[in-house]
Amino acid sequence: MRQIATSKEELRTVTFIDGDMENFPLPDFPIDTIVSTFVFHHLTDIEKQTAIKKYYDLLELGGKIIFGDTMFLSKDVHHEKITKAYARNHQNLAEDLQREYYPLLPNMERYFRENGFTTRFQQMNEYVWIVEAVKQIKNV
């Protein structure tokens, strides 16, 4: 993915920084956007909240977080997807849906709001959502 992104002319002014969701080198310039795909579900709820707080501190006012990941509207929907996967004999999918820490949209919205972000969610398919969180002035 990085090789594709760095080869695009329209992204020539973008600086890409390697790291994971919690540990990465801090650049010596302001950060205006944090982007990741299919990583956030590896973090526990506590780790998600800690990461979002850290991102608030790193981003400039109006800065954005854009994540694409498997997310669910509710625990019921999550369980329905597991049941459906088993019924379709998609054993690996069903097991993966139980093994990882897939976020619930209401929780994600709350984590971002509590840390000074407004959010917008867009569903891409039955599993994948894009969240765009924009840093606002935090109410203390």
Protein backbone atom coordinates (compact mmCIF):
# COMPACT_ATOMS: atom_id res chain seq x y z
CA MET A 1 0.00 0.00 0.00
CA ARG A 2 2.73 2.44 0.93
CA GLN A 3 4.57 1.81 -2.32
CA ILE A 4 1.41 2.59 -4.29
CA ALA A 5 0.72 5.73 -2.25
CA THR A 6 4.26 7.08 -2.48
CA SER A 7 4.31 6.59 -6.25
CA LYS A 8 1.27 8.84 -6.78
CA GLU A 9 2.06 12.32 -8.06
CA GLU A 10 -0.76 13.91 -6.04
CA LEU A 11 0.76 12.54 -2.80
CA ARG A 12 4.31 13.78 -3.41
CA THR A 13 4.05 16.32 -0.57
CA VAL A 14 2.76 13.74 1.94
CA THR A 15 5.17 12.37 4.52
CA PHE A 16 4.45 8.75 5.46
CA ILE A 17 5.60 7.58 8.90
CA ASP A 18 6.00 3.91 9.78
CA GLY A 19 4.74 2.65 13.11
CA ASP A 20 1.91 0.90 14.81
CA MET A 21 -1.20 2.49 16.31
CA GLU A 22 0.45 3.24 19.64
CA ASN A 23 4.17 3.50 18.96
CA PHE A 24 5.64 5.53 16.15
CA PRO A 25 8.35 8.14 15.70
CA LEU A 26 7.10 11.67 16.22
CA PRO A 27 7.89 13.99 13.34
CA ASP A 28 9.38 17.42 13.92
CA PHE A 29 6.51 19.06 12.03
CA PRO A 30 2.75 19.37 12.67
CA ILE A 31 0.53 16.40 11.84
CA ASP A 32 -2.70 17.16 10.03
CA THR A 33 -3.97 13.65 9.19
CA ILE A 34 -3.63 10.14 10.59
CA VAL A 35 -4.79 7.32 8.30
CA SER A 36 -4.96 3.58 8.87
CA THR A 37 -6.83 0.57 7.55
CA PHE A 38 -7.65 -2.72 9.22
CA VAL A 39 -5.51 -2.09 12.28
CA PHE A 40 -7.75 -0.60 14.98
CA HIS A 41 -9.56 -3.89 15.66
CA HIS A 42 -6.32 -5.31 17.05
CA LEU A 43 -6.50 -2.88 20.00
CA THR A 44 -8.57 -3.46 23.14
CA ASP A 45 -11.14 -0.80 24.04
CA ILE A 46 -8.71 0.72 26.56
CA GLU A 47 -5.94 0.81 23.94
CA LYS A 48 -8.34 2.40 21.43
CA GLN A 49 -9.18 5.16 23.92
CA THR A 50 -5.52 5.72 24.77
CA ALA A 51 -4.57 5.94 21.09
CA ILE A 52 -7.37 8.41 20.30
CA LYS A 53 -6.28 10.64 23.21
CA LYS A 54 -2.70 10.52 21.93
CA TYR A 55 -3.85 11.42 18.40
CA TYR A 56 -5.77 14.42 19.78
CA ASP A 57 -2.57 15.68 21.37
CA LEU A 58 -0.61 15.20 18.12
CA LEU A 59 -3.04 16.70 15.62
CA GLU A 60 -3.49 20.36 14.82
CA LEU A 61 -6.94 21.88 15.34
CA GLY A 62 -9.06 20.68 12.42
CA GLY A 63 -6.74 17.71 11.90
CA LYS A 64 -8.30 14.42 10.86
CA ILE A 65 -8.18 10.76 11.69
CA ILE A 66 -9.41 8.49 8.92
CA PHE A 67 -9.75 4.80 9.70
CA GLY A 68 -11.14 1.98 7.62
CA ASP A 69 -11.89 -1.17 9.56
CA THR A 70 -14.39 -3.87 10.36
CA MET A 71 -16.91 -2.35 12.77
CA PHE A 72 -20.41 -3.17 13.93
CA LEU A 73 -23.47 -1.10 14.82
CA SER A 74 -24.12 -3.18 17.95
CA LYS A 75 -23.21 -6.38 19.79
CA ASP A 76 -26.34 -7.95 18.31
CA VAL A 77 -25.19 -7.19 14.75
CA HIS A 78 -21.72 -8.55 15.58
CA HIS A 79 -23.24 -11.80 16.90
CA GLU A 80 -25.52 -12.04 13.85
CA LYS A 81 -22.48 -11.87 11.56
CA ILE A 82 -20.79 -14.67 13.52
CA THR A 83 -23.91 -16.84 13.35
CA LYS A 84 -24.27 -16.11 9.62
CA ALA A 85 -20.61 -17.03 9.00
CA TYR A 86 -21.05 -20.38 10.76
CA ALA A 87 -24.29 -21.04 8.84
CA ARG A 88 -22.44 -20.43 5.57
CA ASN A 89 -19.63 -22.73 6.70
CA HIS A 90 -17.18 -19.82 6.85
CA GLN A 91 -15.43 -21.20 9.92
CA ASN A 92 -12.31 -19.01 9.65
CA LEU A 93 -14.38 -15.83 9.37
CA ALA A 94 -16.56 -16.81 12.34
CA GLU A 95 -13.50 -17.54 14.47
CA ASP A 96 -11.79 -14.30 13.44
CA LEU A 97 -14.91 -12.30 14.32
CA GLN A 98 -14.67 -13.77 17.83
CA ARG A 99 -10.91 -13.46 18.26
CA GLU A 100 -10.29 -9.78 17.52
CA TYR A 101 -11.53 -6.60 19.25
CA TYR A 102 -13.89 -5.34 16.58
CA PRO A 103 -15.19 -1.91 17.53
CA LEU A 104 -18.84 -0.99 17.94
CA LEU A 105 -19.77 2.28 16.25
CA PRO A 106 -21.48 3.78 19.33
CA ASN A 107 -18.32 3.14 21.36
CA MET A 108 -16.09 4.63 18.67
CA GLU A 109 -18.29 7.71 18.42
CA ARG A 110 -18.10 8.12 22.21
CA TYR A 111 -14.32 7.61 22.39
CA PHE A 112 -13.79 10.27 19.74
CA ARG A 113 -16.36 12.70 21.21
CA GLU A 114 -14.90 12.37 24.72
CA ASN A 115 -11.50 13.22 23.26
CA GLY A 116 -12.57 16.32 21.33
CA PHE A 117 -13.45 14.97 17.89
CA THR A 118 -16.53 15.15 15.72
CA THR A 119 -17.15 12.01 13.68
CA ARG A 120 -18.73 10.83 10.48
CA PHE A 121 -19.14 7.15 9.63
CA GLN A 122 -19.71 5.65 6.20
CA GLN A 123 -20.53 1.99 5.66
CA MET A 124 -18.66 0.44 2.74
CA ASN A 125 -20.07 -3.11 2.95
CA GLU A 126 -21.58 -5.38 5.59
CA TYR A 127 -18.34 -5.38 7.58
CA VAL A 128 -16.26 -2.34 6.67
CA TRP A 129 -16.81 1.22 7.82
CA ILE A 130 -14.81 4.39 7.28
CA VAL A 131 -14.65 6.82 10.19
CA GLU A 132 -13.55 10.40 9.74
CA ALA A 133 -12.84 12.18 13.03
CA VAL A 134 -12.03 15.90 13.06
CA LYS A 135 -10.23 17.53 15.99
CA GLN A 136 -12.23 20.30 17.66
CA ILE A 137 -11.47 22.49 20.65
CA LYS A 138 -11.82 20.15 23.61
CA ASN A 139 -14.36 21.09 26.27
CA VAL A 140 -12.64 20.71 29.63
